[in-house]
PDB file of N, CA and C in Angstrom:
ATOM      1  N   MET A   1      64.768 107.833 125.738  1.00  0.00           N
ATOM      2  CA  MET A   1      64.992 108.573 126.962  1.00  0.00           C
ATOM      3  C   MET A   1      66.486 108.601 127.312  1.00  0.00           C
ATOM      4  N   VAL A   2      67.151 107.457 127.153  1.00  0.00           N
ATOM      5  CA  VAL A   2      68.580 107.382 127.456  1.00  0.00           C
ATOM      6  C   VAL A   2      69.364 108.234 126.461  1.00  0.00           C
ATOM      7  N   LEU A   3      68.971 108.193 125.200  1.00  0.00           N
ATOM      8  CA  LEU A   3      69.649 108.995 124.179  1.00  0.00           C
ATOM      9  C   LEU A   3      69.491 110.488 124.463  1.00  0.00           C
ATOM     10  N   GLN A   4      68.302 110.908 124.849  1.00  0.00           N
ATOM     11  CA  GLN A   4      68.066 112.311 125.171  1.00  0.00           C
ATOM     12  C   GLN A   4      68.911 112.740 126.366  1.00  0.00           C
ATOM     13  N   SER A   5      69.017 111.879 127.354  1.00  0.00           N
ATOM     14  CA  SER A   5      69.842 112.194 128.524  1.00  0.00           C
ATOM     15  C   SER A   5      71.305 112.320 128.133  1.00  0.00           C
ATOM     16  N   ALA A   6      71.782 111.427 127.286  1.00  0.00           N
ATOM     17  CA  ALA A   6      73.175 111.480 126.836  1.00  0.00           C
ATOM     18  C   ALA A   6      73.438 112.750 126.029  1.00  0.00           C
ATOM     19  N   VAL A   7      72.511 113.096 125.147  1.00  0.00           N
ATOM     20  CA  VAL A   7      72.657 114.315 124.348  1.00  0.00           C
ATOM     21  C   VAL A   7      72.654 115.543 125.256  1.00  0.00           C
ATOM     22  N   SER A   8      71.797 115.559 126.251  1.00  0.00           N
ATOM     23  CA  SER A   8      71.749 116.689 127.187  1.00  0.00           C
ATOM     24  C   SER A   8      73.056 116.818 127.956  1.00  0.00           C
ATOM     25  N   LEU A   9      73.599 115.708 128.405  1.00  0.00           N
ATOM     26  CA  LEU A   9      74.860 115.728 129.142  1.00  0.00           C
ATOM     27  C   LEU A   9      76.008 116.204 128.254  1.00  0.00           C
ATOM     28  N   ILE A  10      76.063 115.725 127.037  1.00  0.00           N
ATOM     29  CA  ILE A  10      77.105 116.145 126.106  1.00  0.00           C
ATOM     30  C   ILE A  10      76.950 117.627 125.756  1.00  0.00           C
ATOM     31  N   SER A  11      75.718 118.069 125.581  1.00  0.00           N
ATOM     32  CA  SER A  11      75.463 119.481 125.276  1.00  0.00           C
ATOM     33  C   SER A  11      75.916 120.381 126.424  1.00  0.00           C
ATOM     34  N   TRP A  12      75.617 119.957 127.646  1.00  0.00           N
ATOM     35  CA  TRP A  12      76.027 120.727 128.823  1.00  0.00           C
ATOM     36  C   TRP A  12      77.550 120.832 128.883  1.00  0.00           C
ATOM     37  N   ALA A  13      78.240 119.718 128.684  1.00  0.00           N
ATOM     38  CA  ALA A  13      79.703 119.714 128.735  1.00  0.00           C
ATOM     39  C   ALA A  13      80.292 120.560 127.605  1.00  0.00           C
ATOM     40  N   ALA A  14      79.718 120.471 126.414  1.00  0.00           N
ATOM     41  CA  ALA A  14      80.212 121.254 125.283  1.00  0.00           C
ATOM     42  C   ALA A  14      80.018 122.744 125.526  1.00  0.00           C
ATOM     43  N   TRP A  15      78.848 123.115 126.050  1.00  0.00           N
ATOM     44  CA  TRP A  15      78.592 124.527 126.329  1.00  0.00           C
ATOM     45  C   TRP A  15      79.540 125.024 127.416  1.00  0.00           C
ATOM     46  N   ALA A  16      79.797 124.196 128.425  1.00  0.00           N
ATOM     47  CA  ALA A  16      80.713 124.594 129.494  1.00  0.00           C
ATOM     48  C   ALA A  16      82.128 124.780 128.959  1.00  0.00           C
ATOM     49  N   LEU A  17      82.579 123.878 128.113  1.00  0.00           N
ATOM     50  CA  LEU A  17      83.928 123.998 127.555  1.00  0.00           C
ATOM     51  C   LEU A  17      84.049 125.202 126.623  1.00  0.00           C
ATOM     52  N   LEU A  18      83.023 125.426 125.816  1.00  0.00           N
ATOM     53  CA  LEU A  18      83.020 126.618 124.962  1.00  0.00           C
ATOM     54  C   LEU A  18      83.029 127.889 125.802  1.00  0.00           C
ATOM     55  N   THR A  19      82.223 127.909 126.833  1.00  0.00           N
ATOM     56  CA  THR A  19      82.147 129.071 127.713  1.00  0.00           C
ATOM     57  C   THR A  19      83.492 129.310 128.387  1.00  0.00           C
ATOM     58  N   TYR A  20      84.143 128.234 128.804  1.00  0.00           N
ATOM     59  CA  TYR A  20      85.471 128.367 129.420  1.00  0.00           C
ATOM     60  C   TYR A  20      86.459 128.990 128.435  1.00  0.00           C
ATOM     61  N   GLN A  21      86.507 128.463 127.226  1.00  0.00           N
ATOM     62  CA  GLN A  21      87.452 128.975 126.228  1.00  0.00           C
ATOM     63  C   GLN A  21      87.167 130.445 125.898  1.00  0.00           C
ATOM     64  N   ILE A  22      85.901 130.778 125.740  1.00  0.00           N
ATOM     65  CA  ILE A  22      85.533 132.162 125.421  1.00  0.00           C
ATOM     66  C   ILE A  22      85.858 133.080 126.594  1.00  0.00           C
ATOM     67  N   GLY A  23      85.478 132.646 127.787  1.00  0.00           N
ATOM     68  CA  GLY A  23      85.654 133.495 128.963  1.00  0.00           C
ATOM     69  C   GLY A  23      87.087 133.668 129.407  1.00  0.00           C
ATOM     70  N   VAL A  24      87.907 132.633 129.279  1.00  0.00           N
ATOM     71  CA  VAL A  24      89.281 132.694 129.766  1.00  0.00           C
ATOM     72  C   VAL A  24      90.254 133.156 128.684  1.00  0.00           C
ATOM     73  N   ARG A  25      90.006 132.757 127.449  1.00  0.00           N
ATOM     74  CA  ARG A  25      90.965 133.061 126.388  1.00  0.00           C
ATOM     75  C   ARG A  25      90.580 134.285 125.543  1.00  0.00           C
ATOM     76  N   LEU A  26      89.295 134.439 125.237  1.00  0.00           N
ATOM     77  CA  LEU A  26      88.889 135.531 124.345  1.00  0.00           C
ATOM     78  C   LEU A  26      88.441 136.798 125.072  1.00  0.00           C
ATOM     79  N   MET A  27      87.761 136.631 126.217  1.00  0.00           N
ATOM     80  CA  MET A  27      87.181 137.789 126.897  1.00  0.00           C
ATOM     81  C   MET A  27      87.534 137.856 128.383  1.00  0.00           C
ATOM     82  N   PRO A  28      88.789 137.624 128.758  1.00  0.00           N
ATOM     83  CA  PRO A  28      89.103 137.653 130.192  1.00  0.00           C
ATOM     84  C   PRO A  28      89.197 139.076 130.727  1.00  0.00           C
ATOM     85  N   GLU A  29      88.964 139.201 132.023  1.00  0.00           N
ATOM     86  CA  GLU A  29      89.276 140.436 132.725  1.00  0.00           C
ATOM     87  C   GLU A  29      90.635 140.227 133.383  1.00  0.00           C
ATOM     88  N   ALA A  30      91.197 141.264 133.943  1.00  0.00           N
ATOM     89  CA  ALA A  30      92.522 141.161 134.558  1.00  0.00           C
ATOM     90  C   ALA A  30      92.546 140.154 135.702  1.00  0.00           C
ATOM     91  N   GLU A  31      91.433 140.005 136.421  1.00  0.00           N
ATOM     92  CA  GLU A  31      91.379 139.120 137.581  1.00  0.00           C
ATOM     93  C   GLU A  31      90.906 137.712 137.247  1.00  0.00           C
ATOM     94  N   THR A  32      90.675 137.400 135.996  1.00  0.00           N
ATOM     95  CA  THR A  32      90.120 136.106 135.609  1.00  0.00           C
ATOM     96  C   THR A  32      91.120 134.995 135.881  1.00  0.00           C
ATOM     97  N   ARG A  33      90.756 134.124 136.830  1.00  0.00           N
ATOM     98  CA  ARG A  33      91.528 132.928 137.158  1.00  0.00           C
ATOM     99  C   ARG A  33      90.516 131.809 137.343  1.00  0.00           C
ATOM    100  N   SER A  34      90.549 130.822 136.490  1.00  0.00           N
ATOM    101  CA  SER A  34      89.559 129.754 136.571  1.00  0.00           C
ATOM    102  C   SER A  34      90.126 128.498 135.946  1.00  0.00           C
ATOM    103  N   ASP A  35      89.437 127.391 136.197  1.00  0.00           N
ATOM    104  CA  ASP A  35      89.772 126.146 135.522  1.00  0.00           C
ATOM    105  C   ASP A  35      88.464 125.510 135.052  1.00  0.00           C
ATOM    106  N   VAL A  36      88.586 124.481 134.246  1.00  0.00           N
ATOM    107  CA  VAL A  36      87.404 123.853 133.662  1.00  0.00           C
ATOM    108  C   VAL A  36      86.502 123.282 134.744  1.00  0.00           C
ATOM    109  N   GLY A  37      87.080 122.658 135.760  1.00  0.00           N
ATOM    110  CA  GLY A  37      86.285 122.060 136.833  1.00  0.00           C
ATOM    111  C   GLY A  37      85.406 123.067 137.548  1.00  0.00           C
ATOM    112  N   GLU A  38      85.949 124.253 137.808  1.00  0.00           N
ATOM    113  CA  GLU A  38      85.174 125.294 138.478  1.00  0.00           C
ATOM    114  C   GLU A  38      83.982 125.706 137.624  1.00  0.00           C
ATOM    115  N   LEU A  39      84.212 125.862 136.339  1.00  0.00           N
ATOM    116  CA  LEU A  39      83.128 126.261 135.449  1.00  0.00           C
ATOM    117  C   LEU A  39      82.104 125.144 135.278  1.00  0.00           C
ATOM    118  N   LEU A  40      82.566 123.896 135.206  1.00  0.00           N
ATOM    119  CA  LEU A  40      81.625 122.770 135.106  1.00  0.00           C
ATOM    120  C   LEU A  40      80.713 122.706 136.327  1.00  0.00           C
ATOM    121  N   ARG A  41      81.278 122.915 137.508  1.00  0.00           N
ATOM    122  CA  ARG A  41      80.458 122.885 138.734  1.00  0.00           C
ATOM    123  C   ARG A  41      79.423 123.996 138.741  1.00  0.00           C
ATOM    124  N   THR A  42      79.855 125.218 138.446  1.00  0.00           N
ATOM    125  CA  THR A  42      78.903 126.333 138.522  1.00  0.00           C
ATOM    126  C   THR A  42      77.833 126.236 137.438  1.00  0.00           C
ATOM    127  N   ILE A  43      78.219 125.813 136.247  1.00  0.00           N
ATOM    128  CA  ILE A  43      77.235 125.663 135.182  1.00  0.00           C
ATOM    129  C   ILE A  43      76.306 124.483 135.481  1.00  0.00           C
ATOM    130  N   GLY A  44      76.825 123.455 136.126  1.00  0.00           N
ATOM    131  CA  GLY A  44      75.980 122.338 136.542  1.00  0.00           C
ATOM    132  C   GLY A  44      74.898 122.795 137.508  1.00  0.00           C
ATOM    133  N   PHE A  45      75.278 123.623 138.470  1.00  0.00           N
ATOM    134  CA  PHE A  45      74.277 124.157 139.394  1.00  0.00           C
ATOM    135  C   PHE A  45      73.294 125.075 138.669  1.00  0.00           C
ATOM    136  N   ALA A  46      73.787 125.827 137.695  1.00  0.00           N
ATOM    137  CA  ALA A  46      72.909 126.716 136.936  1.00  0.00           C
ATOM    138  C   ALA A  46      71.895 125.940 136.102  1.00  0.00           C
ATOM    139  N   ALA A  47      72.233 124.708 135.733  1.00  0.00           N
ATOM    140  CA  ALA A  47      71.322 123.882 134.932  1.00  0.00           C
ATOM    141  C   ALA A  47      70.282 123.163 135.779  1.00  0.00           C
ATOM    142  N   ALA A  48      70.418 123.218 137.092  1.00  0.00           N
ATOM    143  CA  ALA A  48      69.507 122.497 137.982  1.00  0.00           C
ATOM    144  C   ALA A  48      68.026 122.840 137.795  1.00  0.00           C
ATOM    145  N   PRO A  49      67.646 124.089 137.525  1.00  0.00           N
ATOM    146  CA  PRO A  49      66.224 124.365 137.309  1.00  0.00           C
ATOM    147  C   PRO A  49      65.621 123.572 136.146  1.00  0.00           C
ATOM    148  N   GLY A  50      66.447 123.071 135.254  1.00  0.00           N
ATOM    149  CA  GLY A  50      65.958 122.260 134.141  1.00  0.00           C
ATOM    150  C   GLY A  50      65.256 120.995 134.608  1.00  0.00           C
ATOM    151  N   MET A  51      65.531 120.573 135.833  1.00  0.00           N
ATOM    152  CA  MET A  51      64.847 119.396 136.384  1.00  0.00           C
ATOM    153  C   MET A  51      63.339 119.630 136.490  1.00  0.00           C
ATOM    154  N   LEU A  52      62.938 120.883 136.587  1.00  0.00           N
ATOM    155  CA  LEU A  52      61.509 121.198 136.690  1.00  0.00           C
ATOM    156  C   LEU A  52      60.772 120.971 135.377  1.00  0.00           C
ATOM    157  N   ARG A  53      61.504 120.683 134.331  1.00  0.00           N
ATOM    158  CA  ARG A  53      60.857 120.401 133.043  1.00  0.00           C
ATOM    159  C   ARG A  53      60.075 119.099 133.088  1.00  0.00           C
ATOM    160  N   ILE A  54      60.232 118.346 134.154  1.00  0.00           N
ATOM    161  CA  ILE A  54      59.442 117.123 134.325  1.00  0.00           C
ATOM    162  C   ILE A  54      57.949 117.460 134.356  1.00  0.00           C
ATOM    163  N   PHE A  55      57.623 118.697 134.750  1.00  0.00           N
ATOM    164  CA  PHE A  55      56.224 119.114 134.765  1.00  0.00           C
ATOM    165  C   PHE A  55      55.662 119.268 133.354  1.00  0.00           C
ATOM    166  N   GLY A  56      56.498 119.143 132.360  1.00  0.00           N
ATOM    167  CA  GLY A  56      56.053 119.185 130.970  1.00  0.00           C
ATOM    168  C   GLY A  56      55.188 118.001 130.599  1.00  0.00           C
ATOM    169  N   VAL A  57      55.161 116.954 131.426  1.00  0.00           N
ATOM    170  CA  VAL A  57      54.304 115.800 131.143  1.00  0.00           C
ATOM    171  C   VAL A  57      52.844 116.107 131.444  1.00  0.00           C
ATOM    172  N   VAL A  58      52.597 117.160 132.218  1.00  0.00           N
ATOM    173  CA  VAL A  58      51.226 117.567 132.523  1.00  0.00           C
ATOM    174  C   VAL A  58      50.660 118.267 131.290  1.00  0.00           C
ATOM    175  N   PRO A  59      49.500 117.835 130.801  1.00  0.00           N
ATOM    176  CA  PRO A  59      48.917 118.467 129.610  1.00  0.00           C
ATOM    177  C   PRO A  59      48.784 119.988 129.783  1.00  0.00           C
ATOM    178  N   GLY A  60      49.290 120.715 128.808  1.00  0.00           N
ATOM    179  CA  GLY A  60      49.212 122.173 128.825  1.00  0.00           C
ATOM    180  C   GLY A  60      50.331 122.849 129.605  1.00  0.00           C
ATOM    181  N   ALA A  61      51.162 122.087 130.268  1.00  0.00           N
ATOM    182  CA  ALA A  61      52.224 122.682 131.079  1.00  0.00           C
ATOM    183  C   ALA A  61      53.595 122.615 130.417  1.00  0.00           C
ATOM    184  N   ALA A  62      53.705 121.939 129.299  1.00  0.00           N
ATOM    185  CA  ALA A  62      55.015 121.750 128.667  1.00  0.00           C
ATOM    186  C   ALA A  62      55.637 123.082 128.244  1.00  0.00           C
ATOM    187  N   ALA A  63      54.897 123.903 127.521  1.00  0.00           N
ATOM    188  CA  ALA A  63      55.453 125.171 127.041  1.00  0.00           C
ATOM    189  C   ALA A  63      55.798 126.114 128.196  1.00  0.00           C
ATOM    190  N   PRO A  64      54.889 126.334 129.170  1.00  0.00           N
ATOM    191  CA  PRO A  64      55.268 127.214 130.287  1.00  0.00           C
ATOM    192  C   PRO A  64      56.452 126.665 131.091  1.00  0.00           C
ATOM    193  N   ALA A  65      56.496 125.361 131.299  1.00  0.00           N
ATOM    194  CA  ALA A  65      57.608 124.770 132.051  1.00  0.00           C
ATOM    195  C   ALA A  65      58.919 124.992 131.320  1.00  0.00           C
ATOM    196  N   PHE A  66      58.903 124.834 130.006  1.00  0.00           N
ATOM    197  CA  PHE A  66      60.123 125.024 129.232  1.00  0.00           C
ATOM    198  C   PHE A  66      60.569 126.487 129.250  1.00  0.00           C
ATOM    199  N   VAL A  67      59.647 127.414 129.025  1.00  0.00           N
ATOM    200  CA  VAL A  67      59.988 128.837 128.971  1.00  0.00           C
ATOM    201  C   VAL A  67      60.504 129.331 130.321  1.00  0.00           C
ATOM    202  N   ILE A  68      59.802 128.990 131.389  1.00  0.00           N
ATOM    203  CA  ILE A  68      60.199 129.453 132.723  1.00  0.00           C
ATOM    204  C   ILE A  68      61.562 128.895 133.102  1.00  0.00           C
ATOM    205  N   THR A  69      61.769 127.602 132.885  1.00  0.00           N
ATOM    206  CA  THR A  69      63.055 127.016 133.260  1.00  0.00           C
ATOM    207  C   THR A  69      64.188 127.520 132.362  1.00  0.00           C
ATOM    208  N   ALA A  70      63.908 127.795 131.100  1.00  0.00           N
ATOM    209  CA  ALA A  70      64.948 128.311 130.207  1.00  0.00           C
ATOM    210  C   ALA A  70      65.427 129.687 130.674  1.00  0.00           C
ATOM    211  N   ILE A  71      64.493 130.553 131.036  1.00  0.00           N
ATOM    212  CA  ILE A  71      64.849 131.886 131.526  1.00  0.00           C
ATOM    213  C   ILE A  71      65.607 131.787 132.850  1.00  0.00           C
ATOM    214  N   TRP A  72      65.126 130.934 133.738  1.00  0.00           N
ATOM    215  CA  TRP A  72      65.759 130.739 135.040  1.00  0.00           C
ATOM    216  C   TRP A  72      67.185 130.207 134.865  1.00  0.00           C
ATOM    217  N   MET A  73      67.347 129.235 133.981  1.00  0.00           N
ATOM    218  CA  MET A  73      68.662 128.650 133.743  1.00  0.00           C
ATOM    219  C   MET A  73      69.617 129.669 133.114  1.00  0.00           C
ATOM    220  N   LEU A  74      69.132 130.502 132.208  1.00  0.00           N
ATOM    221  CA  LEU A  74      69.981 131.519 131.592  1.00  0.00           C
ATOM    222  C   LEU A  74      70.450 132.526 132.635  1.00  0.00           C
ATOM    223  N   ALA A  75      69.543 132.976 133.491  1.00  0.00           N
ATOM    224  CA  ALA A  75      69.924 133.916 134.545  1.00  0.00           C
ATOM    225  C   ALA A  75      70.941 133.286 135.494  1.00  0.00           C
ATOM    226  N   ALA A  76      70.714 132.032 135.868  1.00  0.00           N
ATOM    227  CA  ALA A  76      71.660 131.340 136.743  1.00  0.00           C
ATOM    228  C   ALA A  76      73.001 131.130 136.049  1.00  0.00           C
ATOM    229  N   MET A  77      72.964 130.884 134.752  1.00  0.00           N
ATOM    230  CA  MET A  77      74.198 130.694 133.981  1.00  0.00           C
ATOM    231  C   MET A  77      75.022 131.970 133.958  1.00  0.00           C
ATOM    232  N   ILE A  78      74.382 133.095 133.787  1.00  0.00           N
ATOM    233  CA  ILE A  78      75.096 134.373 133.755  1.00  0.00           C
ATOM    234  C   ILE A  78      75.780 134.624 135.097  1.00  0.00           C
ATOM    235  N   VAL A  79      75.065 134.378 136.180  1.00  0.00           N
ATOM    236  CA  VAL A  79      75.657 134.545 137.511  1.00  0.00           C
ATOM    237  C   VAL A  79      76.792 133.548 137.719  1.00  0.00           C
ATOM    238  N   ALA A  80      76.603 132.312 137.268  1.00  0.00           N
ATOM    239  CA  ALA A  80      77.632 131.278 137.423  1.00  0.00           C
ATOM    240  C   ALA A  80      78.902 131.655 136.670  1.00  0.00           C
ATOM    241  N   VAL A  81      78.758 132.144 135.454  1.00  0.00           N
ATOM    242  CA  VAL A  81      79.919 132.547 134.663  1.00  0.00           C
ATOM    243  C   VAL A  81      80.611 133.743 135.313  1.00  0.00           C
ATOM    244  N   ARG A  82      79.827 134.686 135.769  1.00  0.00           N
ATOM    245  CA  ARG A  82      80.422 135.862 136.419  1.00  0.00           C
ATOM    246  C   ARG A  82      81.246 135.459 137.638  1.00  0.00           C
ATOM    247  N   GLN A  83      80.723 134.532 138.426  1.00  0.00           N
ATOM    248  CA  GLN A  83      81.431 134.115 139.625  1.00  0.00           C
ATOM    249  C   GLN A  83      82.634 133.218 139.317  1.00  0.00           C
ATOM    250  N   ALA A  84      82.448 132.252 138.428  1.00  0.00           N
ATOM    251  CA  ALA A  84      83.521 131.303 138.136  1.00  0.00           C
ATOM    252  C   ALA A  84      84.699 131.963 137.439  1.00  0.00           C
ATOM    253  N   LEU A  85      84.434 132.952 136.606  1.00  0.00           N
ATOM    254  CA  LEU A  85      85.499 133.611 135.860  1.00  0.00           C
ATOM    255  C   LEU A  85      85.976 134.897 136.533  1.00  0.00           C
ATOM    256  N   ASP A  86      85.492 135.140 137.737  1.00  0.00           N
ATOM    257  CA  ASP A  86      85.904 136.302 138.530  1.00  0.00           C
ATOM    258  C   ASP A  86      85.682 137.621 137.801  1.00  0.00           C
ATOM    259  N   TYR A  87      84.557 137.712 137.108  1.00  0.00           N
ATOM    260  CA  TYR A  87      84.212 138.946 136.404  1.00  0.00           C
ATOM    261  C   TYR A  87      83.598 139.936 137.378  1.00  0.00           C
ATOM    262  N   LYS A  88      83.867 141.203 137.150  1.00  0.00           N
ATOM    263  CA  LYS A  88      83.190 142.264 137.897  1.00  0.00           C
ATOM    264  C   LYS A  88      81.932 142.702 137.145  1.00  0.00           C
ATOM    265  N   SER A  89      81.903 142.458 135.837  1.00  0.00           N
ATOM    266  CA  SER A  89      80.831 142.930 134.971  1.00  0.00           C
ATOM    267  C   SER A  89      79.849 141.807 134.622  1.00  0.00           C
ATOM    268  N   THR A  90      78.589 142.027 134.935  1.00  0.00           N
ATOM    269  CA  THR A  90      77.553 141.084 134.530  1.00  0.00           C
ATOM    270  C   THR A  90      77.363 141.127 133.012  1.00  0.00           C
ATOM    271  N   ALA A  91      77.580 142.298 132.420  1.00  0.00           N
ATOM    272  CA  ALA A  91      77.437 142.425 130.961  1.00  0.00           C
ATOM    273  C   ALA A  91      78.457 141.547 130.242  1.00  0.00           C
ATOM    274  N   ARG A  92      79.671 141.455 130.765  1.00  0.00           N
ATOM    275  CA  ARG A  92      80.679 140.595 130.146  1.00  0.00           C
ATOM    276  C   ARG A  92      80.267 139.135 130.274  1.00  0.00           C
ATOM    277  N   ALA A  93      79.742 138.755 131.431  1.00  0.00           N
ATOM    278  CA  ALA A  93      79.269 137.378 131.628  1.00  0.00           C
ATOM    279  C   ALA A  93      78.115 137.076 130.673  1.00  0.00           C
ATOM    280  N   LEU A  94      77.214 138.029 130.480  1.00  0.00           N
ATOM    281  CA  LEU A  94      76.112 137.858 129.530  1.00  0.00           C
ATOM    282  C   LEU A  94      76.651 137.671 128.115  1.00  0.00           C
ATOM    283  N   ALA A  95      77.645 138.461 127.732  1.00  0.00           N
ATOM    284  CA  ALA A  95      78.228 138.341 126.393  1.00  0.00           C
ATOM    285  C   ALA A  95      78.880 136.973 126.203  1.00  0.00           C
ATOM    286  N   VAL A  96      79.591 136.493 127.210  1.00  0.00           N
ATOM    287  CA  VAL A  96      80.222 135.174 127.127  1.00  0.00           C
ATOM    288  C   VAL A  96      79.166 134.091 126.958  1.00  0.00           C
ATOM    289  N   CYS A  97      78.074 134.192 127.720  1.00  0.00           N
ATOM    290  CA  CYS A  97      76.989 133.200 127.626  1.00  0.00           C
ATOM    291  C   CYS A  97      76.332 133.221 126.250  1.00  0.00           C
ATOM    292  N   ILE A  98      76.093 134.401 125.718  1.00  0.00           N
ATOM    293  CA  ILE A  98      75.443 134.512 124.411  1.00  0.00           C
ATOM    294  C   ILE A  98      76.337 133.955 123.310  1.00  0.00           C
ATOM    295  N   VAL A  99      77.615 134.304 123.332  1.00  0.00           N
ATOM    296  CA  VAL A  99      78.536 133.798 122.312  1.00  0.00           C
ATOM    297  C   VAL A  99      78.664 132.279 122.430  1.00  0.00           C
ATOM    298  N   GLY A 100      78.798 131.774 123.657  1.00  0.00           N
ATOM    299  CA  GLY A 100      78.888 130.323 123.864  1.00  0.00           C
ATOM    300  C   GLY A 100      77.633 129.599 123.415  1.00  0.00           C
ATOM    301  N   TRP A 101      76.472 130.188 123.722  1.00  0.00           N
ATOM    302  CA  TRP A 101      75.204 129.579 123.324  1.00  0.00           C
ATOM    303  C   TRP A 101      75.083 129.542 121.803  1.00  0.00           C
ATOM    304  N   ALA A 102      75.434 130.648 121.164  1.00  0.00           N
ATOM    305  CA  ALA A 102      75.332 130.714 119.697  1.00  0.00           C
ATOM    306  C   ALA A 102      76.261 129.691 119.039  1.00  0.00           C
ATOM    307  N   LEU A 103      77.479 129.571 119.537  1.00  0.00           N
ATOM    308  CA  LEU A 103      78.407 128.582 118.989  1.00  0.00           C
ATOM    309  C   LEU A 103      77.919 127.158 119.230  1.00  0.00           C
ATOM    310  N   ALA A 104      77.396 126.896 120.425  1.00  0.00           N
ATOM    311  CA  ALA A 104      76.883 125.554 120.735  1.00  0.00           C
ATOM    312  C   ALA A 104      75.706 125.201 119.822  1.00  0.00           C
ATOM    313  N   ILE A 105      74.811 126.154 119.593  1.00  0.00           N
ATOM    314  CA  ILE A 105      73.675 125.911 118.695  1.00  0.00           C
ATOM    315  C   ILE A 105      74.179 125.668 117.275  1.00  0.00           C
ATOM    316  N   GLY A 106      75.150 126.450 116.839  1.00  0.00           N
ATOM    317  CA  GLY A 106      75.715 126.265 115.505  1.00  0.00           C
ATOM    318  C   GLY A 106      76.355 124.900 115.336  1.00  0.00           C
ATOM    319  N   ILE A 107      77.094 124.466 116.341  1.00  0.00           N
ATOM    320  CA  ILE A 107      77.724 123.143 116.297  1.00  0.00           C
ATOM    321  C   ILE A 107      76.663 122.055 116.279  1.00  0.00           C
ATOM    322  N   ALA A 108      75.649 122.190 117.135  1.00  0.00           N
ATOM    323  CA  ALA A 108      74.573 121.196 117.176  1.00  0.00           C
ATOM    324  C   ALA A 108      73.835 121.133 115.836  1.00  0.00           C
ATOM    325  N   PHE A 109      73.588 122.297 115.242  1.00  0.00           N
ATOM    326  CA  PHE A 109      72.920 122.340 113.940  1.00  0.00           C
ATOM    327  C   PHE A 109      73.775 121.649 112.881  1.00  0.00           C
ATOM    328  N   GLY A 110      75.065 121.949 112.894  1.00  0.00           N
ATOM    329  CA  GLY A 110      75.978 121.323 111.937  1.00  0.00           C
ATOM    330  C   GLY A 110      76.030 119.813 112.099  1.00  0.00           C
ATOM    331  N   LEU A 111      76.108 119.351 113.343  1.00  0.00           N
ATOM    332  CA  LEU A 111      76.106 117.910 113.593  1.00  0.00           C
ATOM    333  C   LEU A 111      74.787 117.282 113.167  1.00  0.00           C
ATOM    334  N   GLY A 112      73.695 118.015 113.374  1.00  0.00           N
ATOM    335  CA  GLY A 112      72.396 117.522 112.935  1.00  0.00           C
ATOM    336  C   GLY A 112      72.328 117.357 111.427  1.00  0.00           C
ATOM    337  N   LEU A 113      72.921 118.297 110.709  1.00  0.00           N
ATOM    338  CA  LEU A 113      72.946 118.191 109.248  1.00  0.00           C
ATOM    339  C   LEU A 113      73.794 117.009 108.788  1.00  0.00           C
ATOM    340  N   VAL A 114      74.900 116.789 109.467  1.00  0.00           N
ATOM    341  CA  VAL A 114      75.809 115.710 109.069  1.00  0.00           C
ATOM    342  C   VAL A 114      75.224 114.342 109.388  1.00  0.00           C
ATOM    343  N   PHE A 115      74.626 114.209 110.571  1.00  0.00           N
ATOM    344  CA  PHE A 115      74.191 112.888 111.024  1.00  0.00           C
ATOM    345  C   PHE A 115      72.703 112.609 110.870  1.00  0.00           C
ATOM    346  N   SER A 116      71.950 113.549 110.351  1.00  0.00           N
ATOM    347  CA  SER A 116      70.515 113.299 110.180  1.00  0.00           C
ATOM    348  C   SER A 116      70.271 112.403 108.969  1.00  0.00           C
ATOM    349  N   PRO A 117      69.182 111.648 109.030  1.00  0.00           N
ATOM    350  CA  PRO A 117      68.870 110.804 107.873  1.00  0.00           C
ATOM    351  C   PRO A 117      68.452 111.656 106.690  1.00  0.00           C
ATOM    352  N   THR A 118      68.774 111.205 105.500  1.00  0.00           N
ATOM    353  CA  THR A 118      68.402 111.947 104.302  1.00  0.00           C
ATOM    354  C   THR A 118      66.942 111.685 103.954  1.00  0.00           C
ATOM    355  N   VAL A 119      66.304 112.725 103.528  1.00  0.00           N
ATOM    356  CA  VAL A 119      64.902 112.623 103.115  1.00  0.00           C
ATOM    357  C   VAL A 119      64.869 112.754 101.599  1.00  0.00           C
ATOM    358  N   SER A 120      64.236 111.766 100.962  1.00  0.00           N
ATOM    359  CA  SER A 120      64.208 111.829  99.502  1.00  0.00           C
ATOM    360  C   SER A 120      62.845 112.136  98.979  1.00  0.00           C
TER     361      SER A 120
END
């Protein structure tokens, strides 16, 4: 349980930092003014619906709880990125979230390959 919490916290921070770099350096708008702290706060609030995943302990509720909270968190993340990075376009915020998510998944997959036990 402690390991899962640590991995979740590290994943959140990594996704926030990736999102910051993508949003501020690769895909900024003219009005984009932000810092890491602002993005960490807004993404932290966007991740709050994930707390409802506790209902996954109820038999038969794990999959619906995960799907509903994942969609809710993604929508909140898009709004958080749009606000924190001072974007006028929701489509740009969506693109930043998708690119950040894809990179975070790729990094996690790579780390999993490096640190996973070998199966013989």
